[in-house]
N, C-alpha and C. Protein backbone atom coordinates (compact mmCIF):
# COMPACT_ATOMS: atom_id res chain seq x y z
N MET A 1 0.96 -1.04 -0.03
CA MET A 1 0.03 0.17 -0.14
C MET A 1 0.87 1.33 0.19
N PRO A 2 2.31 0.86 0.73
CA PRO A 2 2.85 2.42 0.48
C PRO A 2 3.17 2.89 -1.32
N THR A 3 3.23 1.98 -1.71
CA THR A 3 3.21 2.60 -3.43
C THR A 3 1.95 3.40 -3.79
N ASN A 4 1.11 2.88 -3.22
CA ASN A 4 -0.27 3.77 -3.84
C ASN A 4 -0.24 4.83 -3.15
N SER A 5 -0.17 4.96 -1.91
CA SER A 5 0.21 6.57 -1.30
C SER A 5 1.03 7.62 -2.05
N ARG A 6 2.27 6.61 -2.32
CA ARG A 6 3.22 7.86 -2.97
C ARG A 6 2.61 7.92 -4.69
N PHE A 7 1.83 7.15 -5.36
CA PHE A 7 1.22 7.42 -6.27
C PHE A 7 0.29 9.03 -6.03
N ASP A 8 -0.42 8.03 -5.20
CA ASP A 8 -1.41 8.97 -4.95
C ASP A 8 -1.19 10.86 -4.57
N ASN A 9 -0.36 10.82 -3.79
CA ASN A 9 0.91 12.20 -4.15
C ASN A 9 1.36 12.73 -5.05
N ILE A 10 1.56 11.90 -5.67
CA ILE A 10 2.28 12.09 -7.07
C ILE A 10 0.74 12.99 -8.16
N ILE A 11 -0.04 12.06 -8.22
CA ILE A 11 -1.29 12.38 -8.93
C ILE A 11 -2.32 13.45 -8.33
N GLU A 12 -1.85 13.35 -7.07
CA GLU A 12 -2.49 15.06 -6.63
C GLU A 12 -1.58 16.60 -6.39
N ASN A 13 -0.25 15.73 -6.70
CA ASN A 13 0.64 17.27 -7.45
C ASN A 13 0.35 17.58 -8.91
N LEU A 14 0.30 16.37 -9.68
CA LEU A 14 -0.12 16.78 -10.60
C LEU A 14 -1.60 17.35 -11.04
N ARG A 15 -2.13 17.35 -9.91
CA ARG A 15 -3.82 18.20 -10.37
C ARG A 15 -3.42 19.44 -10.17
N ARG A 16 -2.83 19.48 -8.88
CA ARG A 16 -2.50 20.78 -8.45
C ARG A 16 -1.69 21.75 -9.90
N HIS A 17 -0.90 21.14 -10.10
CA HIS A 17 -0.03 21.77 -11.46
C HIS A 17 -0.87 22.04 -12.96
N GLU A 18 -1.87 21.41 -12.59
CA GLU A 18 -2.92 21.07 -13.56
C GLU A 18 -3.77 22.47 -13.92
N THR A 19 -4.47 22.66 -12.72
CA THR A 19 -5.27 23.67 -11.81
C THR A 19 -4.06 24.83 -12.41
N LEU A 20 -3.08 25.20 -11.76
CA LEU A 20 -1.91 25.99 -11.70
C LEU A 20 -1.81 26.71 -13.37
N ILE A 21 -1.80 25.73 -14.15
CA ILE A 21 -1.55 25.92 -15.69
C ILE A 21 -2.88 26.28 -16.26
N ASP A 22 -3.49 25.64 -15.74
CA ASP A 22 -5.18 26.46 -16.26
C ASP A 22 -5.18 27.83 -16.00
N LYS A 23 -5.12 28.23 -14.68
CA LYS A 23 -5.42 29.57 -14.38
C LYS A 23 -4.19 30.34 -15.11
N GLU A 24 -2.88 29.87 -15.20
CA GLU A 24 -1.81 30.59 -16.39
C GLU A 24 -2.31 30.82 -17.32
N ALA A 25 -3.09 29.88 -18.11
CA ALA A 25 -3.25 29.87 -19.32
C ALA A 25 -4.42 30.64 -19.58
N SER A 26 -5.48 30.68 -18.81
CA SER A 26 -6.92 31.52 -18.70
C SER A 26 -6.41 33.19 -18.26
N ALA A 27 -5.10 33.33 -17.51
CA ALA A 27 -4.61 34.83 -17.68
C ALA A 27 -4.00 35.18 -19.11
N TYR A 28 -3.29 34.31 -19.17
CA TYR A 28 -2.62 34.76 -20.37
C TYR A 28 -3.79 35.04 -21.75
N HIS A 29 -4.48 34.48 -21.81
CA HIS A 29 -5.72 34.39 -23.22
C HIS A 29 -6.32 35.86 -22.60
N MET A 30 -6.82 35.65 -21.36
CA MET A 30 -7.37 37.20 -20.94
C MET A 30 -6.75 38.57 -21.29
N ALA A 31 -5.14 38.42 -21.11
CA ALA A 31 -4.46 39.52 -21.55
C ALA A 31 -3.58 39.32 -23.12
N GLU A 32 -4.32 38.72 -23.60
CA GLU A 32 -4.41 38.34 -25.20
C GLU A 32 -5.48 39.14 -26.08
N ALA A 33 -6.61 38.82 -25.10
CA ALA A 33 -7.80 39.34 -25.69
C ALA A 33 -7.86 41.09 -25.56
N GLN A 34 -7.46 41.68 -24.53
CA GLN A 34 -7.39 42.79 -23.91
C GLN A 34 -6.36 43.86 -24.93
N ARG A 35 -5.20 43.06 -25.44
CA ARG A 35 -4.23 43.46 -25.95
C ARG A 35 -5.03 43.56 -27.36
N ILE A 36 -5.99 42.82 -27.99
CA ILE A 36 -6.64 42.77 -29.37
C ILE A 36 -7.60 43.84 -29.24
N ARG A 37 -8.25 43.87 -27.95
CA ARG A 37 -9.60 44.76 -28.00
C ARG A 37 -8.84 45.98 -28.41
N GLN A 38 -7.78 46.73 -27.66
CA GLN A 38 -7.05 47.73 -27.58
C GLN A 38 -6.65 47.98 -29.17
N GLU A 39 -6.08 46.91 -29.85
CA GLU A 39 -5.78 47.20 -31.21
C GLU A 39 -6.87 47.17 -31.98
N ILE A 40 -8.05 47.02 -31.85
CA ILE A 40 -9.23 46.73 -32.57
C ILE A 40 -9.80 48.75 -32.36
N ARG A 41 -9.72 48.89 -31.11
CA ARG A 41 -10.50 50.42 -30.62
C ARG A 41 -9.40 51.50 -31.78
N ALA A 42 -8.05 50.90 -31.53
CA ALA A 42 -7.11 52.08 -32.24
C ALA A 42 -7.02 52.35 -33.80
N TRP A 43 -7.37 50.66 -34.14
CA TRP A 43 -7.70 50.84 -35.36
C TRP A 43 -8.98 51.50 -35.56
N ARG A 44 -10.34 51.01 -35.06
CA ARG A 44 -11.47 51.84 -35.50
C ARG A 44 -11.38 53.49 -35.26
N GLU A 45 -10.67 54.03 -34.46
CA GLU A 45 -10.36 55.36 -34.35
C GLU A 45 -9.17 55.91 -35.28
N GLU A 46 -8.31 55.10 -36.04
CA GLU A 46 -7.78 55.61 -37.14
C GLU A 46 -8.57 55.45 -38.37
N CYS A 47 -9.80 54.75 -38.42
CA CYS A 47 -10.47 54.50 -39.73
C CYS A 47 -11.31 55.34 -39.38
N THR A 48 -11.57 56.00 -38.53
CA THR A 48 -12.84 57.08 -38.28
C THR A 48 -12.14 58.66 -38.56
N GLU A 49 -11.10 58.49 -38.08
CA GLU A 49 -10.28 60.09 -38.33
C GLU A 49 -10.14 59.91 -40.23
N GLN A 50 -9.85 58.76 -40.38
CA GLN A 50 -9.19 58.88 -41.82
C GLN A 50 -10.42 59.11 -42.89
N LEU A 51 -11.57 58.76 -42.47
CA LEU A 51 -12.82 58.42 -43.12
C LEU A 51 -13.37 60.20 -42.90
N GLN A 52 -13.08 60.82 -42.05
CA GLN A 52 -13.28 62.28 -41.96
C GLN A 52 -12.88 63.03 -42.59
N ARG A 53 -11.41 62.60 -42.44
CA ARG A 53 -10.42 63.61 -43.68
C ARG A 53 -10.83 63.53 -44.96
N SER A 54 -11.16 62.34 -45.43
CA SER A 54 -11.45 61.94 -46.66
C SER A 54 -12.84 62.98 -47.18
N LYS A 55 -13.86 62.33 -46.01
CA LYS A 55 -15.03 63.38 -46.51
C LYS A 55 -14.51 64.74 -46.95
N GLY A 56 -13.81 65.16 -46.12
CA GLY A 56 -13.78 66.59 -46.36
C GLY A 56 -13.10 67.18 -47.29
N GLU A 57 -11.89 65.74 -47.83
CA GLU A 57 -11.14 66.63 -48.76
C GLU A 57 -12.23 66.41 -50.14
N GLN A 58 -13.40 65.31 -50.03
CA GLN A 58 -13.79 65.11 -50.85
C GLN A 58 -15.35 66.47 -51.33
N SER A 59 -15.72 66.97 -49.88
CA SER A 59 -16.29 67.76 -50.25
C SER A 59 -15.85 69.19 -50.53
N THR A 60 -14.35 69.33 -50.23
CA THR A 60 -13.65 70.67 -50.57
C THR A 60 -13.62 70.51 -52.18
N LYS A 61 -13.32 69.11 -52.85
CA LYS A 61 -13.03 68.90 -53.94
C LYS A 61 -14.26 69.00 -54.81
N GLN A 62 -15.60 68.60 -54.67
CA GLN A 62 -16.65 68.85 -54.97
C GLN A 62 -16.84 70.69 -55.10
N CYS A 63 -17.02 71.06 -53.78
CA CYS A 63 -16.89 72.50 -53.99
C CYS A 63 -16.52 73.17 -55.18
N LYS A 64 -14.89 72.25 -55.22
CA LYS A 64 -14.10 73.28 -56.19
C LYS A 64 -14.57 72.86 -57.62
N SER A 65 -14.95 72.25 -57.74
CA SER A 65 -15.26 71.36 -59.09
C SER A 65 -16.74 72.41 -59.83
N ILE A 66 -17.59 73.11 -58.70
CA ILE A 66 -18.73 73.19 -58.63
C ILE A 66 -18.11 74.66 -59.12
N VAL A 67 -17.83 75.28 -58.62
CA VAL A 67 -17.09 76.84 -58.66
C VAL A 67 -16.65 76.90 -59.97
N ALA A 68 -15.66 75.81 -60.29
CA ALA A 68 -14.91 75.90 -61.56
C ALA A 68 -16.07 75.63 -62.83
N TRP A 69 -16.92 74.48 -62.46
CA TRP A 69 -18.32 74.43 -63.58
C TRP A 69 -18.77 76.16 -63.89
N LEU A 70 -19.12 76.86 -62.51
CA LEU A 70 -19.90 77.72 -62.46
C LEU A 70 -19.20 78.86 -63.24
N LYS A 71 -17.90 78.69 -63.24
CA LYS A 71 -16.69 80.03 -63.49
C LYS A 71 -16.82 81.11 -62.83
N VAL A 72 -17.25 80.72 -61.59
CA VAL A 72 -16.89 82.00 -60.49
C VAL A 72 -16.15 83.00 -60.42
N ASP A 73 -15.96 84.04 -60.93
CA ASP A 73 -15.02 85.18 -60.59
C ASP A 73 -15.83 86.20 -59.61
N GLU A 74 -14.59 86.50 -58.36
CA GLU A 74 -15.09 87.43 -57.57
C GLU A 74 -15.31 88.53 -58.19
N SER A 75 -14.21 89.00 -59.38
CA SER A 75 -14.33 90.40 -59.85
C SER A 75 -15.65 90.61 -60.27
N ASP A 76 -16.31 89.72 -60.76
CA ASP A 76 -17.79 89.75 -61.72
C ASP A 76 -18.55 90.07 -60.67
N GLN A 77 -18.57 89.18 -59.46
CA GLN A 77 -19.87 89.81 -58.44
C GLN A 77 -19.36 91.35 -57.85
N LEU A 78 -18.04 91.66 -57.79
CA LEU A 78 -17.93 92.98 -56.81
C LEU A 78 -18.45 94.18 -58.28
N ASN A 79 -18.32 93.85 -59.31
CA ASN A 79 -18.35 94.44 -60.81
C ASN A 79 -20.11 94.89 -60.59
N ASN A 80 -20.56 93.68 -60.82
CA ASN A 80 -22.18 93.88 -60.23
C ASN A 80 -22.42 94.38 -59.58
N PHE A 81 -21.98 93.87 -57.82
CA PHE A 81 -22.30 95.00 -56.82
C PHE A 81 -22.30 96.51 -57.22
N HIS A 82 -20.97 96.95 -57.83
CA HIS A 82 -20.63 98.37 -58.10
C HIS A 82 -21.87 99.04 -59.06
N THR A 83 -22.11 97.82 -60.14
CA THR A 83 -23.40 98.41 -60.88
C THR A 83 -24.55 98.72 -60.25
N LEU A 84 -24.92 97.92 -59.46
CA LEU A 84 -26.29 97.92 -58.70
C LEU A 84 -25.88 99.12 -57.56
N LEU A 85 -24.98 99.40 -57.07
CA LEU A 85 -24.82 100.62 -56.35
C LEU A 85 -24.74 102.32 -57.38
N GLU A 86 -24.47 102.04 -58.66
CA GLU A 86 -24.22 103.29 -59.11
C GLU A 86 -25.53 103.45 -59.52
N GLU A 87 -26.42 102.57 -60.19
CA GLU A 87 -27.75 102.54 -60.43
C GLU A 87 -28.84 103.06 -59.05
N SER A 88 -28.62 102.42 -58.37
CA SER A 88 -29.13 103.09 -56.72
C SER A 88 -28.65 104.29 -56.44
N THR A 89 -27.85 105.05 -56.79
CA THR A 89 -27.39 106.40 -56.61
C THR A 89 -27.94 107.45 -57.54
N LYS A 90 -28.08 106.88 -59.16
CA LYS A 90 -28.17 107.73 -60.02
C LYS A 90 -29.89 107.70 -60.27
N TYR A 91 -30.76 106.47 -59.56
CA TYR A 91 -32.08 106.72 -59.69
C TYR A 91 -32.56 106.20 -58.14
N PRO A 92 -32.80 107.11 -57.07
CA PRO A 92 -32.98 106.90 -55.75
C PRO A 92 -34.19 106.08 -55.66
N GLY A 93 -33.82 104.88 -54.94
CA GLY A 93 -35.24 104.10 -54.75
C GLY A 93 -34.86 103.02 -55.63
N THR A 94 -34.28 102.78 -56.50
CA THR A 94 -34.09 101.66 -57.27
C THR A 94 -33.13 100.78 -56.65
N CYS A 95 -33.19 99.61 -56.84
CA CYS A 95 -31.90 98.30 -56.69
C CYS A 95 -31.62 98.57 -55.36
N GLY A 96 -32.04 99.70 -54.41
CA GLY A 96 -31.83 99.51 -52.83
C GLY A 96 -32.61 98.10 -52.33
N TRP A 97 -33.33 97.61 -52.81
CA TRP A 97 -33.77 96.39 -52.16
C TRP A 97 -32.99 95.40 -52.16
N ILE A 98 -32.34 95.37 -53.47
CA ILE A 98 -31.24 93.88 -53.14
C ILE A 98 -30.34 94.07 -52.53
N LEU A 99 -29.58 95.29 -52.39
CA LEU A 99 -28.19 95.64 -51.47
C LEU A 99 -28.79 95.44 -49.80
N LYS A 100 -30.27 95.34 -49.86
CA LYS A 100 -30.51 95.18 -48.17
C LYS A 100 -31.00 93.67 -48.00
N ASN A 101 -30.73 92.89 -49.15
CA ASN A 101 -31.37 91.24 -49.16
C ASN A 101 -30.14 90.91 -48.61
N LYS A 102 -30.77 90.05 -47.18
CA LYS A 102 -29.31 89.23 -46.47
C LYS A 102 -28.49 88.02 -46.94
N LYS A 103 -29.19 87.68 -48.13
CA LYS A 103 -28.55 86.70 -48.92
C LYS A 103 -27.18 87.51 -50.02
N MET A 104 -27.54 88.55 -50.24
CA MET A 104 -26.71 89.74 -51.37
C MET A 104 -25.95 89.98 -50.28
N ALA A 105 -26.16 90.57 -49.17
CA ALA A 105 -24.81 91.12 -47.99
C ALA A 105 -24.39 90.12 -47.72
N ALA A 106 -24.48 89.00 -47.58
CA ALA A 106 -23.62 87.68 -46.91
C ALA A 106 -22.72 87.62 -48.00
N THR A 107 -23.12 87.36 -49.34
CA THR A 107 -22.34 87.19 -50.01
C THR A 107 -21.13 88.14 -50.58
N LEU A 108 -21.42 89.65 -50.08
CA LEU A 108 -20.15 90.53 -50.52
C LEU A 108 -19.47 90.54 -49.51
N GLN A 109 -19.15 89.69 -48.37
CA GLN A 109 -18.82 89.50 -47.45
C GLN A 109 -17.42 89.22 -47.59
N ARG A 110 -17.26 88.19 -48.33
CA ARG A 110 -15.97 87.70 -48.77
C ARG A 110 -15.37 86.87 -47.81
N LYS A 111 -16.01 85.72 -47.45
CA LYS A 111 -15.82 84.88 -46.53
C LYS A 111 -15.85 83.48 -46.97
N PRO A 112 -14.61 82.71 -46.55
CA PRO A 112 -14.88 81.49 -47.51
C PRO A 112 -15.99 80.58 -47.24
N ASP A 113 -16.71 81.02 -45.99
CA ASP A 113 -18.02 79.73 -46.04
C ASP A 113 -19.22 80.50 -46.06
N VAL A 114 -18.96 81.46 -46.82
CA VAL A 114 -20.39 81.95 -47.57
C VAL A 114 -20.77 81.47 -48.65
N PRO A 115 -21.99 80.98 -49.03
CA PRO A 115 -22.03 80.48 -50.16
C PRO A 115 -22.39 81.77 -51.23
N LEU A 116 -21.89 81.12 -52.44
CA LEU A 116 -22.16 82.28 -54.38
C LEU A 116 -23.72 82.26 -54.22
N LEU A 117 -23.99 83.45 -54.47
CA LEU A 117 -25.54 83.92 -54.67
C LEU A 117 -25.88 83.19 -56.03
């Protein structure tokens, strides 16, 4: 019977080692899963930023294409404004309404975010 108790101790030691190895493996897998989640989060943020930049670039490109297609020239707009101003001074009461128009006034402010009239 002494051999059985000796083997029983060995088997018990092997079971404890098995439990420790399982716990170590679980801890490793949890750490690996956390690292992967962090990488995915960083990748998602990078993709979101890249998408926003791309949208902005595309929007700017479209705006430039539209302006080029319309062949908008600021000097033409200024000439039109001066013509309207001259007409309103020659003939009081005429053309004054257009200069009071909010959209027309905003267009003449020369700001990049103001749309063309």
